[in-house]
Amino acid sequence: MAGRLAPVRPRDAATVAVVRPAVPSGLEVYLIRRKVSMAFAAGAYVFPGGSVDRRDVEQPVAFHGPSPEEWAGLLGTDASTARGLVCAAVRETFEESGVLLAGPGGDGVVADTTGEDWEADRLALVGKTLSFAAFLARRGLVLRSDLLRPWAHWITPEVEALRFDTRFFVAALPPGQRTRDVGGEADLVTWVRPADALARGAAGEMRLMTPTHRTLSELAEHGDVAAVLAAPREIAPILPAAVEVDGEIRIVERP
């Protein structure tokens, strides 16, 4: 705040709020609790996501739906960065939930990703011994970019030592697929109604970071999955700032 240190440059990242219909009505969202040993957001409930892999930007991936150039306009960036962000969104969702937004063409998605061969590929992606482009090409799949909806753009405050420039997306759980506890950075996974997650956060049962809390609040305003996917969004970067309030340092959204 005194201006004596230069802010760390944030890494490009993507995260996806995967939603599904709730019973008897409404919707649920998939959350993972990050292990307390993690350097970033330790112990917090978050959506699947992570940093852009260099190969997500450099290696060509077949898209069905909006192209990288179209995503660039939606996300307010260049086509190369947009391709990396969309690839990271789909890749990280698969790595952290087992849900894969891809199919053999534009009229379907992979029906089941729970087999041992899928798990081997997931672990190879996590370990970075397999690129996302090579994974899709080997299986004859195209990325279903039409199944993603842009939702928000959050940048970690400048006072943090580990920073991310994160695009938030939403997507519906594809028919036939199911999430599973895949371990890794998470020690617990759950499906929960957005309003219930907010209530548990207020009660101290769930640690919710500001971007997650805001997204859950926005999702709670919609009655079902279709309403979420149809919601109009204006994507503008949000960079919270550190301010002194009554002698305490707080992180607040910039006006």
Protein backbone atom coordinates (compact mmCIF):
# COMPACT_ATOMS: atom_id res chain seq x y z
CA MET A 1 0.00 0.00 0.00
CA ALA A 2 2.96 2.33 0.60
CA GLY A 3 4.12 1.75 -2.96
CA ARG A 4 7.51 0.29 -2.01
CA LEU A 5 6.90 -3.09 -3.67
CA ALA A 6 5.88 -3.89 -7.22
CA PRO A 7 2.77 -6.12 -7.45
CA VAL A 8 3.32 -9.69 -8.60
CA ARG A 9 2.09 -10.25 -12.15
CA PRO A 10 -1.07 -12.43 -12.02
CA ARG A 11 -1.24 -15.73 -13.89
CA ASP A 12 -4.03 -16.31 -16.40
CA ALA A 13 -6.49 -18.83 -14.94
CA ALA A 14 -10.00 -20.17 -15.43
CA THR A 15 -12.64 -21.66 -13.16
CA VAL A 16 -16.01 -23.27 -13.91
CA ALA A 17 -19.16 -23.38 -11.80
CA VAL A 18 -20.71 -26.69 -12.88
CA VAL A 19 -24.46 -26.74 -12.18
CA ARG A 20 -27.15 -29.42 -12.32
CA PRO A 21 -30.90 -29.60 -11.58
CA ALA A 22 -31.79 -30.11 -7.92
CA VAL A 23 -34.63 -32.29 -6.66
CA PRO A 24 -37.47 -31.41 -6.65
CA SER A 25 -36.58 -28.03 -8.16
CA GLY A 26 -33.87 -25.41 -8.38
CA LEU A 27 -30.21 -26.10 -9.00
CA GLU A 28 -27.05 -27.32 -7.31
CA VAL A 29 -23.43 -26.33 -7.90
CA TYR A 30 -20.29 -28.43 -7.54
CA LEU A 31 -17.72 -27.23 -4.99
CA ILE A 32 -14.39 -28.63 -3.89
CA ARG A 33 -12.63 -27.88 -0.62
CA ARG A 34 -8.95 -27.18 -1.14
CA LYS A 35 -6.51 -28.93 1.16
CA VAL A 36 -5.20 -26.83 4.04
CA SER A 37 -1.68 -27.50 2.75
CA MET A 38 -2.30 -25.57 -0.49
CA ALA A 39 -0.45 -22.27 -0.99
CA PHE A 40 -3.55 -20.53 -2.38
CA ALA A 41 -7.08 -20.58 -0.91
CA ALA A 42 -6.17 -23.24 1.65
CA GLY A 43 -9.29 -24.76 3.20
CA ALA A 44 -11.64 -22.74 1.00
CA TYR A 45 -14.56 -24.11 -1.01
CA VAL A 46 -14.05 -23.22 -4.66
CA PHE A 47 -15.13 -24.19 -8.16
CA PRO A 48 -12.86 -26.44 -10.25
CA GLY A 49 -10.16 -24.38 -11.92
CA GLY A 50 -6.51 -23.51 -12.27
CA SER A 51 -3.81 -21.78 -14.28
CA VAL A 52 -3.48 -21.78 -18.06
CA ASP A 53 -0.89 -24.31 -19.25
CA ARG A 54 1.53 -22.90 -21.85
CA ARG A 55 0.51 -25.75 -24.14
CA ASP A 56 -3.16 -24.64 -23.90
CA VAL A 57 -2.10 -21.52 -25.80
CA GLU A 58 0.47 -22.98 -28.18
CA GLN A 59 -1.12 -26.24 -29.35
CA PRO A 60 -4.16 -26.23 -31.66
CA VAL A 61 -7.41 -27.63 -30.28
CA ALA A 62 -10.58 -28.25 -32.30
CA PHE A 63 -13.48 -26.14 -30.99
CA HIS A 64 -17.18 -26.74 -31.55
CA GLY A 65 -19.00 -23.53 -30.75
CA PRO A 66 -17.53 -20.07 -30.30
CA SER A 67 -14.03 -19.85 -31.76
CA PRO A 68 -11.03 -18.41 -29.89
CA GLU A 69 -11.58 -15.18 -31.81
CA GLU A 70 -15.21 -15.02 -30.64
CA TRP A 71 -14.18 -15.85 -27.08
CA ALA A 72 -11.62 -13.06 -27.25
CA GLY A 73 -14.45 -10.59 -27.72
CA LEU A 74 -16.47 -12.11 -24.88
CA LEU A 75 -13.54 -12.20 -22.47
CA GLY A 76 -11.90 -8.92 -23.41
CA THR A 77 -8.56 -10.35 -24.50
CA ASP A 78 -6.71 -11.59 -27.58
CA ALA A 79 -7.53 -14.84 -29.40
CA SER A 80 -4.44 -16.71 -28.17
CA THR A 81 -5.14 -15.92 -24.53
CA ALA A 82 -8.83 -16.71 -24.99
CA ARG A 83 -7.98 -20.14 -26.41
CA GLY A 84 -5.77 -20.81 -23.41
CA LEU A 85 -8.47 -19.74 -20.97
CA VAL A 86 -11.19 -21.89 -22.58
CA CYS A 87 -8.86 -24.90 -22.76
CA ALA A 88 -7.86 -24.38 -19.12
CA ALA A 89 -11.52 -24.17 -18.10
CA VAL A 90 -12.36 -27.52 -19.72
CA ARG A 91 -9.10 -29.23 -18.76
CA GLU A 92 -9.16 -28.16 -15.12
CA THR A 93 -12.83 -29.15 -14.78
CA PHE A 94 -11.95 -32.64 -16.00
CA GLU A 95 -8.89 -32.83 -13.75
CA GLU A 96 -10.77 -31.74 -10.62
CA SER A 97 -14.22 -33.27 -11.11
CA GLY A 98 -14.05 -35.89 -13.88
CA VAL A 99 -16.53 -33.85 -15.96
CA LEU A 100 -15.42 -33.43 -19.58
CA LEU A 101 -17.00 -30.82 -21.85
CA ALA A 102 -15.96 -32.54 -25.06
CA GLY A 103 -17.38 -34.99 -27.56
CA PRO A 104 -16.78 -36.65 -30.93
CA GLY A 105 -18.58 -33.75 -32.62
CA GLY A 106 -20.99 -30.95 -32.02
CA ASP A 107 -24.02 -33.13 -31.33
CA GLY A 108 -22.91 -34.95 -28.21
CA VAL A 109 -20.54 -35.27 -25.26
CA VAL A 110 -18.57 -38.13 -23.80
CA ALA A 111 -21.10 -40.29 -21.96
CA ASP A 112 -18.89 -41.65 -19.19
CA THR A 113 -15.40 -40.79 -17.96
CA THR A 114 -15.16 -43.13 -14.97
CA GLY A 115 -13.16 -45.98 -16.55
CA GLU A 116 -9.56 -46.81 -15.69
CA ASP A 117 -8.33 -45.52 -19.05
CA TRP A 118 -9.99 -42.15 -18.43
CA GLU A 119 -8.47 -42.01 -14.97
CA ALA A 120 -5.01 -42.71 -16.40
CA ASP A 121 -5.43 -39.81 -18.83
CA ARG A 122 -6.73 -37.53 -16.06
CA LEU A 123 -3.69 -38.26 -13.91
CA ALA A 124 -1.39 -37.66 -16.89
CA LEU A 125 -3.01 -34.27 -17.42
CA VAL A 126 -2.63 -33.43 -13.74
CA GLY A 127 1.02 -34.49 -13.87
CA LYS A 128 1.53 -32.51 -17.11
CA THR A 129 2.97 -35.53 -18.91
CA LEU A 130 0.06 -35.26 -21.37
CA SER A 131 -1.12 -32.05 -23.00
CA PHE A 132 -4.81 -31.29 -23.29
CA ALA A 133 -4.54 -30.99 -27.08
CA ALA A 134 -2.88 -34.41 -27.35
CA PHE A 135 -5.48 -35.93 -25.02
CA LEU A 136 -8.38 -34.72 -27.17
CA ALA A 137 -6.69 -35.62 -30.46
CA ARG A 138 -5.87 -39.16 -29.35
CA ARG A 139 -9.47 -39.76 -28.36
CA GLY A 140 -10.92 -38.07 -31.45
CA LEU A 141 -12.72 -35.39 -29.42
CA VAL A 142 -13.50 -31.73 -29.95
CA LEU A 143 -13.80 -29.17 -27.18
CA ARG A 144 -17.46 -28.17 -26.73
CA SER A 145 -16.93 -24.46 -26.21
CA ASP A 146 -20.65 -23.97 -26.77
CA LEU A 147 -21.31 -25.59 -23.38
CA LEU A 148 -19.47 -22.82 -21.51
CA ARG A 149 -20.93 -19.44 -20.60
CA PRO A 150 -18.70 -16.53 -19.52
CA TRP A 151 -19.68 -15.31 -16.05
CA ALA A 152 -17.12 -12.99 -14.41
CA HIS A 153 -13.52 -11.77 -14.32
CA TRP A 154 -11.71 -11.52 -10.99
CA ILE A 155 -8.09 -10.48 -10.38
CA THR A 156 -6.32 -11.27 -7.10
CA PRO A 157 -5.57 -8.11 -5.08
CA GLU A 158 -2.18 -6.53 -5.68
CA VAL A 159 -1.10 -7.06 -2.05
CA GLU A 160 -1.09 -10.85 -2.47
CA ALA A 161 2.13 -12.73 -3.21
CA LEU A 162 0.33 -15.34 -5.35
CA ARG A 163 -2.02 -13.76 -7.88
CA PHE A 164 -4.39 -14.95 -10.60
CA ASP A 165 -6.23 -13.21 -13.44
CA THR A 166 -9.23 -15.52 -13.49
CA ARG A 167 -12.14 -15.83 -15.89
CA PHE A 168 -15.21 -17.45 -14.34
CA PHE A 169 -17.46 -19.66 -16.49
CA VAL A 170 -20.64 -21.65 -15.85
CA ALA A 171 -21.60 -24.96 -17.46
CA ALA A 172 -24.31 -27.56 -17.01
CA LEU A 173 -23.33 -31.10 -16.02
CA PRO A 174 -23.48 -33.03 -19.34
CA PRO A 175 -26.12 -35.79 -19.60
CA GLY A 176 -24.77 -39.17 -18.52
CA GLN A 177 -21.69 -37.80 -16.80
CA ARG A 178 -21.18 -37.65 -13.05
CA THR A 179 -18.64 -36.05 -10.80
CA ARG A 180 -16.43 -38.05 -8.49
CA ASP A 181 -13.97 -37.47 -5.70
CA VAL A 182 -10.73 -37.32 -7.66
CA GLY A 183 -8.43 -36.15 -4.86
CA GLY A 184 -5.41 -34.06 -5.78
CA GLU A 185 -5.77 -30.51 -4.49
CA ALA A 186 -9.14 -31.23 -2.84
CA ASP A 187 -9.94 -33.12 0.35
CA LEU A 188 -13.73 -32.92 -0.02
CA VAL A 189 -16.23 -32.40 -2.85
CA THR A 190 -19.94 -31.63 -2.65
CA TRP A 191 -23.04 -30.69 -4.62
CA VAL A 192 -24.96 -27.95 -2.83
CA ARG A 193 -27.67 -25.41 -3.52
CA PRO A 194 -26.09 -21.95 -3.83
CA ALA A 195 -28.29 -20.51 -1.08
CA ASP A 196 -27.37 -23.36 1.27
CA ALA A 197 -23.65 -22.81 0.58
CA LEU A 198 -24.08 -19.13 1.43
CA ALA A 199 -25.88 -20.01 4.66
CA ARG A 200 -23.14 -22.45 5.61
CA GLY A 201 -20.57 -19.78 4.83
CA ALA A 202 -22.34 -17.29 7.11
CA ALA A 203 -22.43 -19.93 9.86
CA GLY A 204 -18.68 -20.52 9.57
CA GLU A 205 -19.11 -24.03 8.17
CA MET A 206 -17.70 -23.17 4.75
CA ARG A 207 -14.84 -20.81 3.97
CA LEU A 208 -15.92 -18.84 0.90
CA MET A 209 -13.59 -16.37 -0.78
CA THR A 210 -15.16 -13.17 -2.11
CA PRO A 211 -15.35 -14.21 -5.80
CA THR A 212 -16.91 -17.57 -4.84
CA HIS A 213 -19.38 -15.88 -2.48
CA ARG A 214 -20.39 -13.38 -5.15
CA THR A 215 -20.83 -16.08 -7.80
CA LEU A 216 -22.94 -18.22 -5.45
CA SER A 217 -25.08 -15.17 -4.65
CA GLU A 218 -25.65 -14.57 -8.36
CA LEU A 219 -26.44 -18.23 -9.05
CA ALA A 220 -28.94 -18.22 -6.18
CA GLU A 221 -30.95 -15.55 -8.01
CA HIS A 222 -31.86 -18.04 -10.77
CA GLY A 223 -34.54 -20.68 -10.49
CA ASP A 224 -32.97 -23.41 -12.57
CA VAL A 225 -30.04 -24.39 -14.78
CA ALA A 226 -31.66 -23.05 -17.95
CA ALA A 227 -32.06 -19.62 -16.35
CA VAL A 228 -28.38 -19.59 -15.35
CA LEU A 229 -27.22 -20.44 -18.86
CA ALA A 230 -29.52 -17.82 -20.40
CA ALA A 231 -28.56 -15.03 -18.00
CA PRO A 232 -27.07 -11.98 -19.77
CA ARG A 233 -23.65 -11.06 -18.43
CA GLU A 234 -21.39 -8.06 -18.82
CA ILE A 235 -17.83 -9.18 -18.16
CA ALA A 236 -15.61 -6.51 -16.61
CA PRO A 237 -12.49 -7.10 -14.52
CA ILE A 238 -12.88 -6.82 -10.75
CA LEU A 239 -9.69 -6.02 -8.83
CA PRO A 240 -10.33 -5.82 -5.08
CA ALA A 241 -8.04 -3.48 -3.16
CA ALA A 242 -6.50 -3.40 0.32
CA VAL A 243 -7.76 -0.44 2.33
CA GLU A 244 -7.46 0.66 5.94
CA VAL A 245 -10.81 0.81 7.76
CA ASP A 246 -10.84 1.85 11.42
CA GLY A 247 -7.23 0.80 11.82
CA GLU A 248 -7.71 -2.59 10.14
CA ILE A 249 -6.60 -3.70 6.68
CA ARG A 250 -9.50 -5.07 4.66
CA ILE A 251 -9.91 -6.30 1.10
CA VAL A 252 -12.77 -4.49 -0.62
CA GLU A 253 -14.04 -4.24 -4.16
CA ARG A 254 -13.03 -1.09 -5.97
CA PRO A 255 -15.94 1.28 -6.61
